[in-house]
Amino acid sequence: EVGREGALQNRYVGDWLLFGIGETWSGRAPGVVHAVRYASDDGFRRVQVGHAIERIEALGNDALVVGNAGNDLRYTSLRLGSAPSIAGVYVQPNAVQGESRTHGFFYRAVDANSGFIGLPILGRQPDGKPMAAVQFLHAKALALAPAGALEAHGLLRTDDGCRASCVDWYGNARPIFLGSRVFALMGYELVEGRYDGTVVRERRRVDFTPATAAPVSN
């Protein structure tokens, strides 16, 4: 039993089942990933990651755990193998996930040893202004390093009452990798980036905000 409070996250990766919980109703985040080989009777393994378990994703045959520790969003890569262990950590200060559902995350393997991660975040710029972006990370031998971000310009918009789009229905923030092209969907903005092997930089964008909200018929 991992706890009676908080949202349970779980993911099958290879022959492992990983699970844990996010921040509980009391405000605590146990920060433990539980792992078990579901086809064996080896018992549970526990990995202390030091942050809430708000997302678990596969990185090839290994895993990534994402969640907050206070105001900071933390990414922790886990090497599974014969026993799970922490392989890399990246911390984004003053940020949270911008989309908690599965389609908000994307991982593209570059080769057997490295890959490219995209995840929407909400945070603060150095001047304190709010920021929405899709953040990109390198994962090389499971070591995590920043690879730039594509930011939204239209963060503060008038709510259209879900007449044209609604985050609660299908989510409106996600990375999109199409062949060698990299895109970030953020609300009514679709931003294309160019990845030069080191960092993603903006190439162009389109804003498809409706000029006027359509009337609601009763």
Protein backbone atom coordinates (compact mmCIF):
# COMPACT_ATOMS: atom_id res chain seq x y z
CA GLU A 1 0.00 0.00 0.00
CA VAL A 2 1.50 3.35 -1.03
CA GLY A 3 -0.98 5.61 0.74
CA ARG A 4 -4.64 6.47 0.98
CA GLU A 5 -4.30 10.05 -0.25
CA GLY A 6 -3.06 11.61 -3.46
CA ALA A 7 -3.30 10.65 -7.13
CA LEU A 8 -1.71 7.32 -8.04
CA GLN A 9 0.51 7.27 -11.13
CA ASN A 10 1.59 4.03 -12.75
CA ARG A 11 3.38 2.84 -15.89
CA TYR A 12 4.59 -0.42 -17.36
CA VAL A 13 8.13 -0.10 -18.72
CA GLY A 14 9.64 -3.29 -20.11
CA ASP A 15 9.05 -6.00 -17.51
CA TRP A 16 8.72 -3.45 -14.69
CA LEU A 17 5.61 -1.88 -13.18
CA LEU A 18 6.39 1.51 -11.64
CA PHE A 19 3.99 3.45 -9.43
CA GLY A 20 3.84 6.24 -6.86
CA ILE A 21 1.69 9.12 -5.67
CA GLY A 22 1.79 12.87 -6.01
CA GLU A 23 1.20 15.43 -3.31
CA THR A 24 -1.33 14.19 -0.75
CA TRP A 25 -4.30 16.09 0.58
CA SER A 26 -2.23 16.95 3.64
CA GLY A 27 0.35 18.64 1.39
CA ARG A 28 3.01 15.94 1.72
CA ALA A 29 4.72 14.26 -1.22
CA PRO A 30 6.32 10.95 -0.17
CA GLY A 31 8.68 11.06 -3.16
CA VAL A 32 9.04 7.30 -3.52
CA VAL A 33 8.79 5.26 -6.72
CA HIS A 34 7.75 1.66 -6.15
CA ALA A 35 8.93 -0.87 -8.72
CA VAL A 36 8.15 -4.53 -9.21
CA ARG A 37 8.89 -7.09 -11.89
CA TYR A 38 5.32 -8.11 -12.56
CA ALA A 39 6.29 -11.52 -14.02
CA SER A 40 8.42 -12.57 -11.05
CA ASP A 41 8.16 -12.86 -7.30
CA ASP A 42 11.22 -10.73 -6.52
CA GLY A 43 9.23 -8.33 -4.37
CA PHE A 44 9.03 -4.53 -4.45
CA ARG A 45 11.93 -2.15 -4.90
CA ARG A 46 11.69 1.45 -3.69
CA VAL A 47 13.56 4.44 -5.09
CA GLN A 48 13.56 7.73 -3.16
CA VAL A 49 13.43 10.52 -5.76
CA GLY A 50 12.68 13.44 -3.43
CA HIS A 51 9.70 14.87 -5.31
CA ALA A 52 6.04 14.15 -5.98
CA ILE A 53 5.29 11.38 -8.50
CA GLU A 54 3.09 13.26 -10.97
CA ARG A 55 4.17 11.56 -14.21
CA ILE A 56 5.94 8.32 -15.12
CA GLU A 57 7.04 7.76 -18.72
CA ALA A 58 9.19 5.29 -20.66
CA LEU A 59 12.58 6.32 -22.02
CA GLY A 60 13.18 3.27 -24.18
CA ASN A 61 13.79 0.45 -21.70
CA ASP A 62 14.24 2.89 -18.82
CA ALA A 63 11.97 5.49 -17.22
CA LEU A 64 11.43 9.15 -16.40
CA VAL A 65 9.62 10.41 -13.31
CA VAL A 66 8.37 14.02 -13.18
CA GLY A 67 6.93 15.99 -10.28
CA ASN A 68 7.30 18.98 -8.02
CA ALA A 69 9.41 19.46 -4.94
CA GLY A 70 8.04 22.69 -3.56
CA ASN A 71 8.12 25.32 -6.32
CA ASP A 72 10.57 23.41 -8.52
CA LEU A 73 9.68 20.93 -11.24
CA ARG A 74 12.04 17.96 -11.13
CA TYR A 75 12.80 15.37 -13.81
CA THR A 76 14.42 12.13 -12.59
CA SER A 77 15.56 9.41 -15.00
CA LEU A 78 15.63 5.85 -13.69
CA ARG A 79 17.87 3.10 -15.00
CA LEU A 80 15.91 -0.10 -14.59
CA GLY A 81 18.06 -3.09 -15.59
CA SER A 82 18.27 -5.65 -12.80
CA ALA A 83 17.24 -3.05 -10.17
CA PRO A 84 15.95 0.54 -10.55
CA SER A 85 18.32 3.37 -9.67
CA ILE A 86 18.54 7.13 -10.27
CA ALA A 87 20.59 7.93 -13.38
CA GLY A 88 19.98 11.66 -13.91
CA VAL A 89 18.19 14.69 -12.46
CA TYR A 90 17.17 18.02 -13.98
CA VAL A 91 15.49 20.82 -11.99
CA GLN A 92 13.41 23.61 -13.53
CA PRO A 93 12.95 26.31 -10.86
CA ASN A 94 9.54 27.88 -10.25
CA ALA A 95 7.57 25.69 -12.64
CA VAL A 96 4.86 23.04 -12.85
CA GLN A 97 3.66 20.77 -15.62
CA GLY A 98 1.45 22.55 -18.16
CA GLU A 99 -0.36 19.31 -19.05
CA SER A 100 -0.66 16.29 -16.80
CA ARG A 101 -2.15 13.85 -19.31
CA THR A 102 -0.12 11.33 -21.29
CA HIS A 103 -0.30 13.20 -24.60
CA GLY A 104 1.51 16.16 -23.01
CA PHE A 105 4.77 14.19 -23.05
CA PHE A 106 6.83 13.05 -26.03
CA TYR A 107 10.10 11.15 -26.22
CA ARG A 108 11.99 10.56 -29.45
CA ALA A 109 14.90 8.15 -29.39
CA VAL A 110 17.91 9.42 -31.34
CA ASP A 111 19.82 6.15 -30.94
CA ALA A 112 20.02 3.31 -28.43
CA ASN A 113 21.82 5.56 -25.96
CA SER A 114 20.13 8.94 -26.28
CA GLY A 115 16.85 10.73 -26.92
CA PHE A 116 14.93 13.96 -26.88
CA ILE A 117 12.15 14.90 -24.41
CA GLY A 118 9.36 17.47 -24.73
CA LEU A 119 6.94 18.54 -21.97
CA PRO A 120 4.67 21.60 -21.51
CA ILE A 121 5.41 23.68 -18.42
CA LEU A 122 4.00 26.74 -16.69
CA GLY A 123 6.48 28.94 -14.90
CA ARG A 124 7.85 32.42 -14.29
CA GLN A 125 10.23 34.48 -16.36
CA PRO A 126 13.17 36.17 -14.58
CA ASP A 127 11.11 39.39 -14.36
CA GLY A 128 8.30 37.50 -12.62
CA LYS A 129 5.90 37.43 -15.58
CA PRO A 130 4.00 34.16 -16.16
CA MET A 131 5.33 31.86 -18.84
CA ALA A 132 3.86 28.93 -20.77
CA ALA A 133 6.27 26.87 -22.85
CA VAL A 134 7.16 23.45 -24.13
CA GLN A 135 10.48 22.53 -22.56
CA PHE A 136 12.94 20.20 -24.27
CA LEU A 137 15.63 18.07 -22.66
CA HIS A 138 18.41 15.83 -23.91
CA ALA A 139 18.66 12.38 -22.39
CA LYS A 140 22.10 10.93 -23.10
CA ALA A 141 22.90 7.72 -21.25
CA LEU A 142 19.96 8.90 -19.09
CA ALA A 143 21.81 12.08 -18.05
CA LEU A 144 19.39 15.00 -18.47
CA ALA A 145 20.36 18.40 -19.89
CA PRO A 146 18.33 21.39 -21.17
CA ALA A 147 17.75 21.71 -24.92
CA GLY A 148 15.78 24.96 -25.05
CA ALA A 149 12.07 25.81 -25.01
CA LEU A 150 9.38 27.19 -27.30
CA GLU A 151 7.33 29.80 -25.45
CA ALA A 152 3.74 30.91 -25.89
CA HIS A 153 3.12 34.59 -26.65
CA GLY A 154 -0.62 34.55 -26.09
CA LEU A 155 -0.60 33.26 -22.52
CA LEU A 156 -3.14 35.77 -21.21
CA ARG A 157 -6.26 35.59 -23.35
CA THR A 158 -9.94 36.13 -22.82
CA ASP A 159 -11.66 32.86 -21.97
CA ASP A 160 -13.84 31.89 -24.94
CA GLY A 161 -16.01 29.63 -22.81
CA CYS A 162 -14.86 26.51 -24.70
CA ARG A 163 -16.70 27.61 -27.85
CA ALA A 164 -13.68 27.05 -30.09
CA SER A 165 -11.27 25.14 -27.87
CA CYS A 166 -11.20 23.80 -24.36
CA VAL A 167 -8.29 22.50 -22.33
CA ASP A 168 -10.57 20.33 -20.20
CA TRP A 169 -11.76 18.28 -23.18
CA TYR A 170 -8.52 17.23 -24.85
CA GLY A 171 -5.67 19.35 -23.54
CA ASN A 172 -4.21 22.27 -25.46
CA ALA A 173 -0.48 21.98 -24.77
CA ARG A 174 1.79 19.34 -26.23
CA PRO A 175 5.07 18.76 -28.06
CA ILE A 176 4.77 17.36 -31.57
CA PHE A 177 7.71 15.64 -33.29
CA LEU A 178 7.04 15.09 -36.98
CA GLY A 179 10.01 13.52 -38.74
CA SER A 180 12.88 15.95 -38.21
CA ARG A 181 10.50 18.82 -37.39
CA VAL A 182 9.67 19.99 -33.85
CA PHE A 183 6.43 21.77 -32.92
CA ALA A 184 4.85 23.09 -29.75
CA LEU A 185 1.07 23.47 -29.46
CA MET A 186 0.16 25.95 -26.73
CA GLY A 187 -3.44 27.07 -26.66
CA TYR A 188 -4.19 28.76 -29.98
CA GLU A 189 -0.52 28.97 -30.98
CA LEU A 190 1.41 26.41 -33.00
CA VAL A 191 5.16 27.11 -32.90
CA GLU A 192 7.71 25.38 -35.11
CA GLY A 193 11.26 25.03 -33.83
CA ARG A 194 14.53 24.04 -35.42
CA TYR A 195 16.72 21.57 -33.56
CA ASP A 196 20.40 21.93 -34.42
CA GLY A 197 21.54 18.98 -32.33
CA THR A 198 22.14 21.18 -29.30
CA VAL A 199 19.11 23.41 -28.73
CA VAL A 200 15.64 24.09 -30.13
CA ARG A 201 15.12 27.61 -31.47
CA GLU A 202 11.93 29.14 -32.79
CA ARG A 203 11.54 29.15 -36.55
CA ARG A 204 8.00 30.41 -37.08
CA ARG A 205 4.56 30.40 -35.48
CA VAL A 206 0.89 30.68 -36.30
CA ASP A 207 -1.85 32.02 -34.04
CA PHE A 208 -5.32 30.67 -34.83
CA THR A 209 -7.25 32.47 -32.11
CA PRO A 210 -10.86 32.93 -33.34
CA ALA A 211 -11.61 36.56 -34.14
CA THR A 212 -14.92 36.37 -32.31
CA ALA A 213 -16.46 33.66 -30.21
CA ALA A 214 -19.34 31.86 -31.85
CA PRO A 215 -22.71 32.40 -30.16
CA VAL A 216 -24.10 29.56 -28.10
CA SER A 217 -27.46 28.30 -29.32
CA ASN A 218 -29.94 26.96 -26.81
